Amino acid sequence: MNTLRYELVFSDGAGAARDVVTVERTLSKGPGGHPVYSDPTGIIRAEISDRGEVRVLASGGHQEPAQSVAARPLPDPDPDPADPDRDQEQKGSAGPRP
Protein backbone atom coordinates (compact mmCIF):
# COMPACT_ATOMS: atom_id res chain seq x y z
CA MET A 1 0.00 0.00 0.00
CA ASN A 2 1.32 3.44 -0.93
CA THR A 3 -0.34 5.75 1.56
CA LEU A 4 0.27 9.39 0.70
CA ARG A 5 -0.84 10.97 3.98
CA TYR A 6 -0.96 10.05 7.65
CA GLU A 7 -2.04 11.65 10.89
CA LEU A 8 0.68 11.35 13.50
CA VAL A 9 -0.80 11.18 16.99
CA PHE A 10 1.63 12.22 19.72
CA SER A 11 0.53 10.92 23.13
CA ASP A 12 1.71 11.26 26.69
CA GLY A 13 2.68 8.23 28.79
CA ALA A 14 -0.96 7.59 29.75
CA GLY A 15 -1.98 7.29 26.09
CA ALA A 16 -4.03 10.48 25.97
CA ALA A 17 -3.71 12.20 22.58
CA ARG A 18 -1.91 15.51 22.94
CA ASP A 19 -1.14 16.60 19.39
CA VAL A 20 -2.21 15.45 15.95
CA VAL A 21 -0.19 16.44 12.87
CA THR A 22 -0.93 15.60 9.23
CA VAL A 23 2.12 14.53 7.22
CA GLU A 24 2.53 13.82 3.51
CA ARG A 25 4.88 11.45 1.74
CA THR A 26 8.16 12.90 0.48
CA LEU A 27 10.60 11.48 -2.05
CA SER A 28 13.06 10.61 0.74
CA LYS A 29 13.68 7.26 2.40
CA GLY A 30 14.57 6.93 6.08
CA PRO A 31 17.34 4.92 7.73
CA GLY A 32 15.16 1.80 7.64
CA GLY A 33 14.49 2.18 3.90
CA HIS A 34 10.85 3.23 4.37
CA PRO A 35 9.23 6.43 3.04
CA VAL A 36 9.68 9.66 4.96
CA TYR A 37 6.62 11.81 5.62
CA SER A 38 6.70 15.49 6.55
CA ASP A 39 4.35 18.21 7.73
CA PRO A 40 4.12 21.36 5.53
CA THR A 41 6.75 23.18 7.63
CA GLY A 42 9.30 20.34 7.43
CA ILE A 43 9.71 20.40 11.21
CA ILE A 44 7.90 17.10 11.79
CA ARG A 45 9.51 14.30 9.78
CA ALA A 46 8.85 10.62 10.30
CA GLU A 47 9.74 7.35 8.63
CA ILE A 48 6.66 5.11 8.49
CA SER A 49 6.96 1.42 7.64
CA ASP A 50 4.40 -0.59 5.70
CA ARG A 51 3.36 -2.06 9.09
CA GLY A 52 2.63 1.40 10.52
CA GLU A 53 5.77 1.61 12.65
CA VAL A 54 6.81 5.22 13.18
CA ARG A 55 10.34 6.56 13.61
CA VAL A 56 10.36 10.33 14.18
CA LEU A 57 13.41 11.89 12.53
CA ALA A 58 15.26 14.90 13.88
CA SER A 59 14.90 17.92 11.62
CA GLY A 60 17.04 20.24 13.70
CA GLY A 61 19.08 20.55 16.87
CA HIS A 62 17.81 20.42 20.44
CA GLN A 63 14.90 18.07 19.70
CA GLU A 64 13.80 15.38 22.11
CA PRO A 65 12.82 12.07 20.52
CA ALA A 66 9.08 11.40 20.62
CA GLN A 67 8.28 8.37 22.76
CA SER A 68 4.68 7.53 21.88
CA VAL A 69 3.60 8.22 18.31
CA ALA A 70 0.94 6.40 16.30
CA ALA A 71 0.29 6.73 12.56
CA ARG A 72 -3.25 6.75 11.19
CA PRO A 73 -3.52 6.48 7.39
CA LEU A 74 -5.65 9.13 5.70
CA PRO A 75 -7.53 8.65 2.43
CA ASP A 76 -5.82 10.05 -0.63
CA PRO A 77 -7.23 13.39 -1.77
CA ASP A 78 -9.62 13.23 -4.70
CA PRO A 79 -8.20 14.49 -7.98
CA ASP A 80 -9.23 18.02 -8.85
CA PRO A 81 -12.03 17.80 -11.46
CA ALA A 82 -10.97 21.22 -12.79
CA ASP A 83 -7.42 19.99 -13.50
CA PRO A 84 -6.88 20.19 -17.29
CA ASP A 85 -4.30 17.37 -17.19
CA ARG A 86 -6.91 15.03 -15.71
CA ASP A 87 -8.75 14.75 -19.07
CA GLN A 88 -5.49 14.01 -20.92
CA GLU A 89 -4.63 11.22 -18.50
CA GLN A 90 -8.06 9.65 -18.90
CA LYS A 91 -7.89 9.84 -22.71
CA GLY A 92 -4.38 8.45 -22.74
CA SER A 93 -5.39 5.42 -20.70
CA ALA A 94 -8.18 4.43 -23.08
CA GLY A 95 -5.76 2.56 -25.31
CA PRO A 96 -4.55 3.12 -28.86
CA ARG A 97 -6.52 5.29 -31.24
CA PRO A 98 -7.91 3.76 -34.44
PDB file of N, CA and C in Angstrom:
ATOM      1  N   MET A   1       0.845  -1.177   0.000  1.00  0.00           N
ATOM      2  CA  MET A   1       0.000   0.000   0.000  1.00  0.00           C
ATOM      3  C   MET A   1       0.890   1.239   0.000  1.00  0.00           C
ATOM      4  N   ASN A   2       0.558   2.195  -0.827  1.00  0.00           N
ATOM      5  CA  ASN A   2       1.321   3.436  -0.926  1.00  0.00           C
ATOM      6  C   ASN A   2       0.488   4.586  -0.379  1.00  0.00           C
ATOM      7  N   THR A   3       0.422   4.681   0.925  1.00  0.00           N
ATOM      8  CA  THR A   3      -0.337   5.747   1.561  1.00  0.00           C
ATOM      9  C   THR A   3       0.399   7.061   1.372  1.00  0.00           C
ATOM     10  N   LEU A   4      -0.336   8.089   0.948  1.00  0.00           N
ATOM     11  CA  LEU A   4       0.270   9.391   0.696  1.00  0.00           C
ATOM     12  C   LEU A   4       0.261  10.302   1.920  1.00  0.00           C
ATOM     13  N   ARG A   5      -0.717  10.091   2.820  1.00  0.00           N
ATOM     14  CA  ARG A   5      -0.843  10.973   3.979  1.00  0.00           C
ATOM     15  C   ARG A   5      -1.181  10.162   5.225  1.00  0.00           C
ATOM     16  N   TYR A   6      -0.665  10.630   6.349  1.00  0.00           N
ATOM     17  CA  TYR A   6      -0.958  10.051   7.654  1.00  0.00           C
ATOM     18  C   TYR A   6      -1.259  11.166   8.636  1.00  0.00           C
ATOM     19  N   GLU A   7      -1.978  10.819   9.698  1.00  0.00           N
ATOM     20  CA  GLU A   7      -2.039  11.647  10.891  1.00  0.00           C
ATOM     21  C   GLU A   7      -1.087  11.023  11.886  1.00  0.00           C
ATOM     22  N   LEU A   8      -0.180  11.811  12.417  1.00  0.00           N
ATOM     23  CA  LEU A   8       0.678  11.349  13.503  1.00  0.00           C
ATOM     24  C   LEU A   8       0.047  11.815  14.800  1.00  0.00           C
ATOM     25  N   VAL A   9      -0.182  10.871  15.702  1.00  0.00           N
ATOM     26  CA  VAL A   9      -0.805  11.182  16.990  1.00  0.00           C
ATOM     27  C   VAL A   9       0.263  11.047  18.059  1.00  0.00           C
ATOM     28  N   PHE A  10       0.631  12.169  18.657  1.00  0.00           N
ATOM     29  CA  PHE A  10       1.628  12.217  19.723  1.00  0.00           C
ATOM     30  C   PHE A  10       0.878  12.135  21.049  1.00  0.00           C
ATOM     31  N   SER A  11       1.230  11.142  21.868  1.00  0.00           N
ATOM     32  CA  SER A  11       0.533  10.916  23.129  1.00  0.00           C
ATOM     33  C   SER A  11       1.490  11.044  24.305  1.00  0.00           C
ATOM     34  N   ASP A  12       0.901  11.284  25.482  1.00  0.00           N
ATOM     35  CA  ASP A  12       1.713  11.261  26.692  1.00  0.00           C
ATOM     36  C   ASP A  12       1.816   9.815  27.177  1.00  0.00           C
ATOM     37  N   GLY A  13       2.473   9.579  28.278  1.00  0.00           N
ATOM     38  CA  GLY A  13       2.684   8.228  28.790  1.00  0.00           C
ATOM     39  C   GLY A  13       1.391   7.487  29.104  1.00  0.00           C
ATOM     40  N   ALA A  14       0.314   8.218  29.410  1.00  0.00           N
ATOM     41  CA  ALA A  14      -0.960   7.589  29.751  1.00  0.00           C
ATOM     42  C   ALA A  14      -1.762   7.223  28.504  1.00  0.00           C
ATOM     43  N   GLY A  15      -1.291   7.608  27.329  1.00  0.00           N
ATOM     44  CA  GLY A  15      -1.983   7.286  26.091  1.00  0.00           C
ATOM     45  C   GLY A  15      -2.997   8.322  25.649  1.00  0.00           C
ATOM     46  N   ALA A  16      -3.102   9.417  26.371  1.00  0.00           N
ATOM     47  CA  ALA A  16      -4.029  10.476  25.969  1.00  0.00           C
ATOM     48  C   ALA A  16      -3.417  11.258  24.806  1.00  0.00           C
ATOM     49  N   ALA A  17      -4.199  11.448  23.741  1.00  0.00           N
ATOM     50  CA  ALA A  17      -3.712  12.195  22.581  1.00  0.00           C
ATOM     51  C   ALA A  17      -3.439  13.637  22.987  1.00  0.00           C
ATOM     52  N   ARG A  18      -2.271  14.125  22.638  1.00  0.00           N
ATOM     53  CA  ARG A  18      -1.911  15.507  22.945  1.00  0.00           C
ATOM     54  C   ARG A  18      -1.888  16.351  21.689  1.00  0.00           C
ATOM     55  N   ASP A  19      -1.268  15.839  20.637  1.00  0.00           N
ATOM     56  CA  ASP A  19      -1.142  16.599  19.395  1.00  0.00           C
ATOM     57  C   ASP A  19      -1.362  15.662  18.216  1.00  0.00           C
ATOM     58  N   VAL A  20      -2.007  16.189  17.190  1.00  0.00           N
ATOM     59  CA  VAL A  20      -2.211  15.446  15.949  1.00  0.00           C
ATOM     60  C   VAL A  20      -1.683  16.301  14.809  1.00  0.00           C
ATOM     61  N   VAL A  21      -0.806  15.719  13.980  1.00  0.00           N
ATOM     62  CA  VAL A  21      -0.189  16.438  12.869  1.00  0.00           C
ATOM     63  C   VAL A  21      -0.380  15.613  11.599  1.00  0.00           C
ATOM     64  N   THR A  22      -0.806  16.276  10.516  1.00  0.00           N
ATOM     65  CA  THR A  22      -0.932  15.601   9.228  1.00  0.00           C
ATOM     66  C   THR A  22       0.392  15.712   8.483  1.00  0.00           C
ATOM     67  N   VAL A  23       0.867  14.564   7.982  1.00  0.00           N
ATOM     68  CA  VAL A  23       2.116  14.533   7.223  1.00  0.00           C
ATOM     69  C   VAL A  23       1.855  13.912   5.861  1.00  0.00           C
ATOM     70  N   GLU A  24       2.645  14.331   4.868  1.00  0.00           N
ATOM     71  CA  GLU A  24       2.534  13.816   3.510  1.00  0.00           C
ATOM     72  C   GLU A  24       3.835  13.165   3.097  1.00  0.00           C
ATOM     73  N   ARG A  25       3.716  12.194   2.209  1.00  0.00           N
ATOM     74  CA  ARG A  25       4.879  11.452   1.741  1.00  0.00           C
ATOM     75  C   ARG A  25       5.830  12.363   0.970  1.00  0.00           C
ATOM     76  N   THR A  26       7.128  12.180   1.216  1.00  0.00           N
ATOM     77  CA  THR A  26       8.160  12.905   0.482  1.00  0.00           C
ATOM     78  C   THR A  26       8.859  11.910  -0.451  1.00  0.00           C
ATOM     79  N   LEU A  27       9.823  12.365  -1.177  1.00  0.00           N
ATOM     80  CA  LEU A  27      10.597  11.484  -2.051  1.00  0.00           C
ATOM     81  C   LEU A  27      11.734  10.789  -1.307  1.00  0.00           C
ATOM     82  N   SER A  28      11.942  11.147  -0.049  1.00  0.00           N
ATOM     83  CA  SER A  28      13.061  10.615   0.744  1.00  0.00           C
ATOM     84  C   SER A  28      12.722   9.262   1.359  1.00  0.00           C
ATOM     85  N   LYS A  29      13.773   8.512   1.650  1.00  0.00           N
ATOM     86  CA  LYS A  29      13.678   7.263   2.401  1.00  0.00           C
ATOM     87  C   LYS A  29      14.425   7.455   3.716  1.00  0.00           C
ATOM     88  N   GLY A  30      13.932   6.822   4.778  1.00  0.00           N
ATOM     89  CA  GLY A  30      14.565   6.930   6.083  1.00  0.00           C
ATOM     90  C   GLY A  30      15.655   5.898   6.268  1.00  0.00           C
ATOM     91  N   PRO A  31      16.253   5.861   7.456  1.00  0.00           N
ATOM     92  CA  PRO A  31      17.342   4.925   7.731  1.00  0.00           C
ATOM     93  C   PRO A  31      16.931   3.457   7.600  1.00  0.00           C
ATOM     94  N   GLY A  32      15.646   3.170   7.776  1.00  0.00           N
ATOM     95  CA  GLY A  32      15.160   1.801   7.638  1.00  0.00           C
ATOM     96  C   GLY A  32      14.726   1.457   6.224  1.00  0.00           C
ATOM     97  N   GLY A  33      14.859   2.420   5.291  1.00  0.00           N
ATOM     98  CA  GLY A  33      14.490   2.184   3.902  1.00  0.00           C
ATOM     99  C   GLY A  33      13.028   2.441   3.584  1.00  0.00           C
ATOM    100  N   HIS A  34      12.275   2.952   4.565  1.00  0.00           N
ATOM    101  CA  HIS A  34      10.853   3.233   4.367  1.00  0.00           C
ATOM    102  C   HIS A  34      10.650   4.701   4.001  1.00  0.00           C
ATOM    103  N   PRO A  35       9.494   5.035   3.431  1.00  0.00           N
ATOM    104  CA  PRO A  35       9.234   6.427   3.040  1.00  0.00           C
ATOM    105  C   PRO A  35       9.255   7.383   4.230  1.00  0.00           C
ATOM    106  N   VAL A  36       9.690   8.594   3.957  1.00  0.00           N
ATOM    107  CA  VAL A  36       9.679   9.663   4.957  1.00  0.00           C
ATOM    108  C   VAL A  36       8.489  10.566   4.655  1.00  0.00           C
ATOM    109  N   TYR A  37       7.775  10.923   5.701  1.00  0.00           N
ATOM    110  CA  TYR A  37       6.619  11.811   5.622  1.00  0.00           C
ATOM    111  C   TYR A  37       6.945  13.072   6.396  1.00  0.00           C
ATOM    112  N   SER A  38       6.394  14.206   5.938  1.00  0.00           N
ATOM    113  CA  SER A  38       6.704  15.489   6.552  1.00  0.00           C
ATOM    114  C   SER A  38       5.458  16.361   6.636  1.00  0.00           C
ATOM    115  N   ASP A  39       5.416  17.212   7.669  1.00  0.00           N
ATOM    116  CA  ASP A  39       4.352  18.211   7.727  1.00  0.00           C
ATOM    117  C   ASP A  39       4.734  19.354   6.784  1.00  0.00           C
ATOM    118  N   PRO A  40       3.818  20.277   6.494  1.00  0.00           N
ATOM    119  CA  PRO A  40       4.121  21.356   5.532  1.00  0.00           C
ATOM    120  C   PRO A  40       5.315  22.227   5.916  1.00  0.00           C
ATOM    121  N   THR A  41       5.624  22.330   7.215  1.00  0.00           N
ATOM    122  CA  THR A  41       6.748  23.175   7.635  1.00  0.00           C
ATOM    123  C   THR A  41       8.083  22.453   7.521  1.00  0.00           C
ATOM    124  N   GLY A  42       8.065  21.112   7.455  1.00  0.00           N
ATOM    125  CA  GLY A  42       9.295  20.336   7.432  1.00  0.00           C
ATOM    126  C   GLY A  42       9.879  20.094   8.813  1.00  0.00           C
ATOM    127  N   ILE A  43       9.209  20.587   9.849  1.00  0.00           N
ATOM    128  CA  ILE A  43       9.711  20.397  11.213  1.00  0.00           C
ATOM    129  C   ILE A  43       9.434  18.978  11.697  1.00  0.00           C
ATOM    130  N   ILE A  44       8.248  18.474  11.408  1.00  0.00           N
ATOM    131  CA  ILE A  44       7.896  17.101  11.794  1.00  0.00           C
ATOM    132  C   ILE A  44       8.205  16.202  10.608  1.00  0.00           C
ATOM    133  N   ARG A  45       9.135  15.282  10.809  1.00  0.00           N
ATOM    134  CA  ARG A  45       9.507  14.301   9.778  1.00  0.00           C
ATOM    135  C   ARG A  45       9.515  12.931  10.423  1.00  0.00           C
ATOM    136  N   ALA A  46       8.917  11.962   9.737  1.00  0.00           N
ATOM    137  CA  ALA A  46       8.848  10.616  10.297  1.00  0.00           C
ATOM    138  C   ALA A  46       8.957   9.579   9.197  1.00  0.00           C
ATOM    139  N   GLU A  47       9.684   8.514   9.514  1.00  0.00           N
ATOM    140  CA  GLU A  47       9.739   7.354   8.632  1.00  0.00           C
ATOM    141  C   GLU A  47       8.623   6.414   9.089  1.00  0.00           C
ATOM    142  N   ILE A  48       7.776   5.985   8.144  1.00  0.00           N
ATOM    143  CA  ILE A  48       6.661   5.108   8.492  1.00  0.00           C
ATOM    144  C   ILE A  48       6.768   3.847   7.646  1.00  0.00           C
ATOM    145  N   SER A  49       6.824   2.697   8.343  1.00  0.00           N
ATOM    146  CA  SER A  49       6.962   1.422   7.643  1.00  0.00           C
ATOM    147  C   SER A  49       5.609   0.973   7.090  1.00  0.00           C
ATOM    148  N   ASP A  50       5.640  -0.062   6.253  1.00  0.00           N
ATOM    149  CA  ASP A  50       4.400  -0.593   5.701  1.00  0.00           C
ATOM    150  C   ASP A  50       3.548  -1.279   6.773  1.00  0.00           C
ATOM    151  N   ARG A  51       4.118  -1.502   7.959  1.00  0.00           N
ATOM    152  CA  ARG A  51       3.363  -2.059   9.091  1.00  0.00           C
ATOM    153  C   ARG A  51       2.892  -0.976  10.050  1.00  0.00           C
ATOM    154  N   GLY A  52       3.081   0.292   9.689  1.00  0.00           N
ATOM    155  CA  GLY A  52       2.626   1.402  10.515  1.00  0.00           C
ATOM    156  C   GLY A  52       3.563   1.777  11.645  1.00  0.00           C
ATOM    157  N   GLU A  53       4.788   1.245  11.633  1.00  0.00           N
ATOM    158  CA  GLU A  53       5.769   1.607  12.650  1.00  0.00           C
ATOM    159  C   GLU A  53       6.318   2.994  12.342  1.00  0.00           C
ATOM    160  N   VAL A  54       6.411   3.823  13.357  1.00  0.00           N
ATOM    161  CA  VAL A  54       6.814   5.219  13.185  1.00  0.00           C
ATOM    162  C   VAL A  54       8.167   5.462  13.836  1.00  0.00           C
ATOM    163  N   ARG A  55       9.059   6.096  13.076  1.00  0.00           N
ATOM    164  CA  ARG A  55      10.342   6.560  13.613  1.00  0.00           C
ATOM    165  C   ARG A  55      10.408   8.056  13.317  1.00  0.00           C
ATOM    166  N   VAL A  56      10.285   8.876  14.360  1.00  0.00           N
ATOM    167  CA  VAL A  56      10.358  10.325  14.181  1.00  0.00           C
ATOM    168  C   VAL A  56      11.815  10.691  13.945  1.00  0.00           C
ATOM    169  N   LEU A  57      12.059  11.500  12.919  1.00  0.00           N
ATOM    170  CA  LEU A  57      13.411  11.892  12.532  1.00  0.00           C
ATOM    171  C   LEU A  57      13.689  13.321  12.974  1.00  0.00           C
ATOM    172  N   ALA A  58      14.874  13.549  13.472  1.00  0.00           N
ATOM    173  CA  ALA A  58      15.256  14.903  13.883  1.00  0.00           C
ATOM    174  C   ALA A  58      15.376  15.790  12.649  1.00  0.00           C
ATOM    175  N   SER A  59      14.794  16.972  12.731  1.00  0.00           N
ATOM    176  CA  SER A  59      14.897  17.918  11.623  1.00  0.00           C
ATOM    177  C   SER A  59      15.730  19.129  12.010  1.00  0.00           C
ATOM    178  N   GLY A  60      16.224  19.143  13.227  1.00  0.00           N
ATOM    179  CA  GLY A  60      17.042  20.244  13.704  1.00  0.00           C
ATOM    180  C   GLY A  60      17.646  19.893  15.056  1.00  0.00           C
ATOM    181  N   GLY A  61      18.437  20.793  15.580  1.00  0.00           N
ATOM    182  CA  GLY A  61      19.077  20.548  16.870  1.00  0.00           C
ATOM    183  C   GLY A  61      18.135  20.742  18.034  1.00  0.00           C
ATOM    184  N   HIS A  62      18.517  20.244  19.174  1.00  0.00           N
ATOM    185  CA  HIS A  62      17.806  20.420  20.443  1.00  0.00           C
ATOM    186  C   HIS A  62      16.410  19.821  20.439  1.00  0.00           C
ATOM    187  N   GLN A  63      16.194  18.739  19.689  1.00  0.00           N
ATOM    188  CA  GLN A  63      14.899  18.073  19.696  1.00  0.00           C
ATOM    189  C   GLN A  63      14.969  16.835  20.563  1.00  0.00           C
ATOM    190  N   GLU A  64      13.901  16.590  21.317  1.00  0.00           N
ATOM    191  CA  GLU A  64      13.803  15.379  22.110  1.00  0.00           C
ATOM    192  C   GLU A  64      13.053  14.336  21.297  1.00  0.00           C
ATOM    193  N   PRO A  65      13.531  13.092  21.286  1.00  0.00           N
ATOM    194  CA  PRO A  65      12.824  12.068  20.517  1.00  0.00           C
ATOM    195  C   PRO A  65      11.426  11.823  21.083  1.00  0.00           C
ATOM    196  N   ALA A  66      10.450  11.698  20.203  1.00  0.00           N
ATOM    197  CA  ALA A  66       9.083  11.398  20.621  1.00  0.00           C
ATOM    198  C   ALA A  66       9.004   9.955  21.076  1.00  0.00           C
ATOM    199  N   GLN A  67       8.347   9.712  22.195  1.00  0.00           N
ATOM    200  CA  GLN A  67       8.276   8.371  22.757  1.00  0.00           C
ATOM    201  C   GLN A  67       7.052   7.598  22.283  1.00  0.00           C
ATOM    202  N   SER A  68       5.905   8.240  22.219  1.00  0.00           N
ATOM    203  CA  SER A  68       4.676   7.530  21.884  1.00  0.00           C
ATOM    204  C   SER A  68       3.983   8.225  20.714  1.00  0.00           C
ATOM    205  N   VAL A  69       4.178   7.650  19.521  1.00  0.00           N
ATOM    206  CA  VAL A  69       3.599   8.220  18.306  1.00  0.00           C
ATOM    207  C   VAL A  69       2.910   7.104  17.541  1.00  0.00           C
ATOM    208  N   ALA A  70       1.678   7.361  17.124  1.00  0.00           N
ATOM    209  CA  ALA A  70       0.937   6.401  16.297  1.00  0.00           C
ATOM    210  C   ALA A  70       0.636   7.049  14.954  1.00  0.00           C
ATOM    211  N   ALA A  71       0.596   6.235  13.899  1.00  0.00           N
ATOM    212  CA  ALA A  71       0.289   6.731  12.557  1.00  0.00           C
ATOM    213  C   ALA A  71      -1.074   6.206  12.129  1.00  0.00           C
ATOM    214  N   ARG A  72      -1.941   7.128  11.713  1.00  0.00           N
ATOM    215  CA  ARG A  72      -3.253   6.753  11.186  1.00  0.00           C
ATOM    216  C   ARG A  72      -3.294   7.131   9.713  1.00  0.00           C
ATOM    217  N   PRO A  73      -3.471   6.145   8.812  1.00  0.00           N
ATOM    218  CA  PRO A  73      -3.518   6.475   7.388  1.00  0.00           C
ATOM    219  C   PRO A  73      -4.736   7.334   7.068  1.00  0.00           C
ATOM    220  N   LEU A  74      -4.556   8.278   6.174  1.00  0.00           N
ATOM    221  CA  LEU A  74      -5.645   9.130   5.701  1.00  0.00           C
ATOM    222  C   LEU A  74      -5.961   8.762   4.256  1.00  0.00           C
ATOM    223  N   PRO A  75      -7.212   8.926   3.832  1.00  0.00           N
ATOM    224  CA  PRO A  75      -7.526   8.650   2.429  1.00  0.00           C
ATOM    225  C   PRO A  75      -6.805   9.642   1.524  1.00  0.00           C
ATOM    226  N   ASP A  76      -6.466   9.170   0.338  1.00  0.00           N
ATOM    227  CA  ASP A  76      -5.820  10.046  -0.629  1.00  0.00           C
ATOM    228  C   ASP A  76      -6.803  11.117  -1.078  1.00  0.00           C
ATOM    229  N   PRO A  77      -6.326  12.333  -1.308  1.00  0.00           N
ATOM    230  CA  PRO A  77      -7.232  13.390  -1.767  1.00  0.00           C
ATOM    231  C   PRO A  77      -7.773  13.051  -3.147  1.00  0.00           C
ATOM    232  N   ASP A  78      -9.026  13.444  -3.381  1.00  0.00           N
ATOM    233  CA  ASP A  78      -9.624  13.227  -4.697  1.00  0.00           C
ATOM    234  C   ASP A  78      -8.948  14.117  -5.716  1.00  0.00           C
ATOM    235  N   PRO A  79      -8.793  13.624  -6.956  1.00  0.00           N
ATOM    236  CA  PRO A  79      -8.202  14.489  -7.981  1.00  0.00           C
ATOM    237  C   PRO A  79      -9.110  15.687  -8.244  1.00  0.00           C
ATOM    238  N   ASP A  80      -8.507  16.785  -8.584  1.00  0.00           N
ATOM    239  CA  ASP A  80      -9.232  18.020  -8.854  1.00  0.00           C
ATOM    240  C   ASP A  80      -9.962  17.892 -10.185  1.00  0.00           C
ATOM    241  N   PRO A  81     -11.313  17.945 -10.197  1.00  0.00           N
ATOM    242  CA  PRO A  81     -12.031  17.796 -11.462  1.00  0.00           C
ATOM    243  C   PRO A  81     -11.774  18.950 -12.428  1.00  0.00           C
ATOM    244  N   ALA A  82     -11.260  20.079 -11.920  1.00  0.00           N
ATOM    245  CA  ALA A  82     -10.970  21.219 -12.790  1.00  0.00           C
ATOM    246  C   ALA A  82      -9.568  21.149 -13.375  1.00  0.00           C
ATOM    247  N   ASP A  83      -8.792  20.128 -13.011  1.00  0.00           N
ATOM    248  CA  ASP A  83      -7.418  19.989 -13.496  1.00  0.00           C
ATOM    249  C   ASP A  83      -7.426  19.630 -14.978  1.00  0.00           C
ATOM    250  N   PRO A  84      -6.856  20.478 -15.851  1.00  0.00           N
ATOM    251  CA  PRO A  84      -6.883  20.192 -17.291  1.00  0.00           C
ATOM    252  C   PRO A  84      -6.084  18.944 -17.664  1.00  0.00           C
ATOM    253  N   ASP A  85      -5.082  18.576 -16.893  1.00  0.00           N
ATOM    254  CA  ASP A  85      -4.300  17.372 -17.192  1.00  0.00           C
ATOM    255  C   ASP A  85      -5.080  16.103 -16.906  1.00  0.00           C
ATOM    256  N   ARG A  86      -6.121  16.193 -16.072  1.00  0.00           N
ATOM    257  CA  ARG A  86      -6.913  15.032 -15.710  1.00  0.00           C
ATOM    258  C   ARG A  86      -7.557  14.422 -16.953  1.00  0.00           C
ATOM    259  N   ASP A  87      -8.106  15.253 -17.857  1.00  0.00           N
ATOM    260  CA  ASP A  87      -8.747  14.749 -19.069  1.00  0.00           C
ATOM    261  C   ASP A  87      -7.737  14.066 -19.974  1.00  0.00           C
ATOM    262  N   GLN A  88      -6.530  14.612 -20.079  1.00  0.00           N
ATOM    263  CA  GLN A  88      -5.492  14.012 -20.916  1.00  0.00           C
ATOM    264  C   GLN A  88      -5.104  12.632 -20.406  1.00  0.00           C
ATOM    265  N   GLU A  89      -5.001  12.508 -19.078  1.00  0.00           N
ATOM    266  CA  GLU A  89      -4.628  11.222 -18.499  1.00  0.00           C
ATOM    267  C   GLU A  89      -5.706  10.187 -18.768  1.00  0.00           C
ATOM    268  N   GLN A  90      -6.979  10.589 -18.667  1.00  0.00           N
ATOM    269  CA  GLN A  90      -8.062   9.648 -18.905  1.00  0.00           C
ATOM    270  C   GLN A  90      -8.102   9.232 -20.375  1.00  0.00           C
ATOM    271  N   LYS A  91      -7.898  10.168 -21.282  1.00  0.00           N
ATOM    272  CA  LYS A  91      -7.893   9.836 -22.713  1.00  0.00           C
ATOM    273  C   LYS A  91      -6.718   8.949 -23.074  1.00  0.00           C
ATOM    274  N   GLY A  92      -5.568   9.221 -22.456  1.00  0.00           N
ATOM    275  CA  GLY A  92      -4.377   8.445 -22.741  1.00  0.00           C
ATOM    276  C   GLY A  92      -4.473   7.017 -22.252  1.00  0.00           C
ATOM    277  N   SER A  93      -5.297   6.766 -21.248  1.00  0.00           N
ATOM    278  CA  SER A  93      -5.392   5.423 -20.698  1.00  0.00           C
ATOM    279  C   SER A  93      -6.437   4.584 -21.416  1.00  0.00           C
ATOM    280  N   ALA A  94      -7.139   5.153 -22.383  1.00  0.00           N
ATOM    281  CA  ALA A  94      -8.183   4.431 -23.084  1.00  0.00           C
ATOM    282  C   ALA A  94      -7.633   3.434 -24.098  1.00  0.00           C
ATOM    283  N   GLY A  95      -6.364   3.495 -24.365  1.00  0.00           N
ATOM    284  CA  GLY A  95      -5.763   2.559 -25.313  1.00  0.00           C
ATOM    285  C   GLY A  95      -5.408   3.260 -26.608  1.00  0.00           C
ATOM    286  N   PRO A  96      -4.962   2.501 -27.603  1.00  0.00           N
ATOM    287  CA  PRO A  96      -4.548   3.116 -28.861  1.00  0.00           C
ATOM    288  C   PRO A  96      -5.738   3.653 -29.642  1.00  0.00           C
ATOM    289  N   ARG A  97      -5.466   4.708 -30.389  1.00  0.00           N
ATOM    290  CA  ARG A  97      -6.518   5.292 -31.243  1.00  0.00           C
ATOM    291  C   ARG A  97      -6.578   4.530 -32.562  1.00  0.00           C
ATOM    292  N   PRO A  98      -7.780   4.474 -33.139  1.00  0.00           N
ATOM    293  CA  PRO A  98      -7.907   3.765 -34.437  1.00  0.00           C
ATOM    294  C   PRO A  98      -7.249   4.510 -35.571  1.00  0.00           C
TER     295      PRO A  98
END
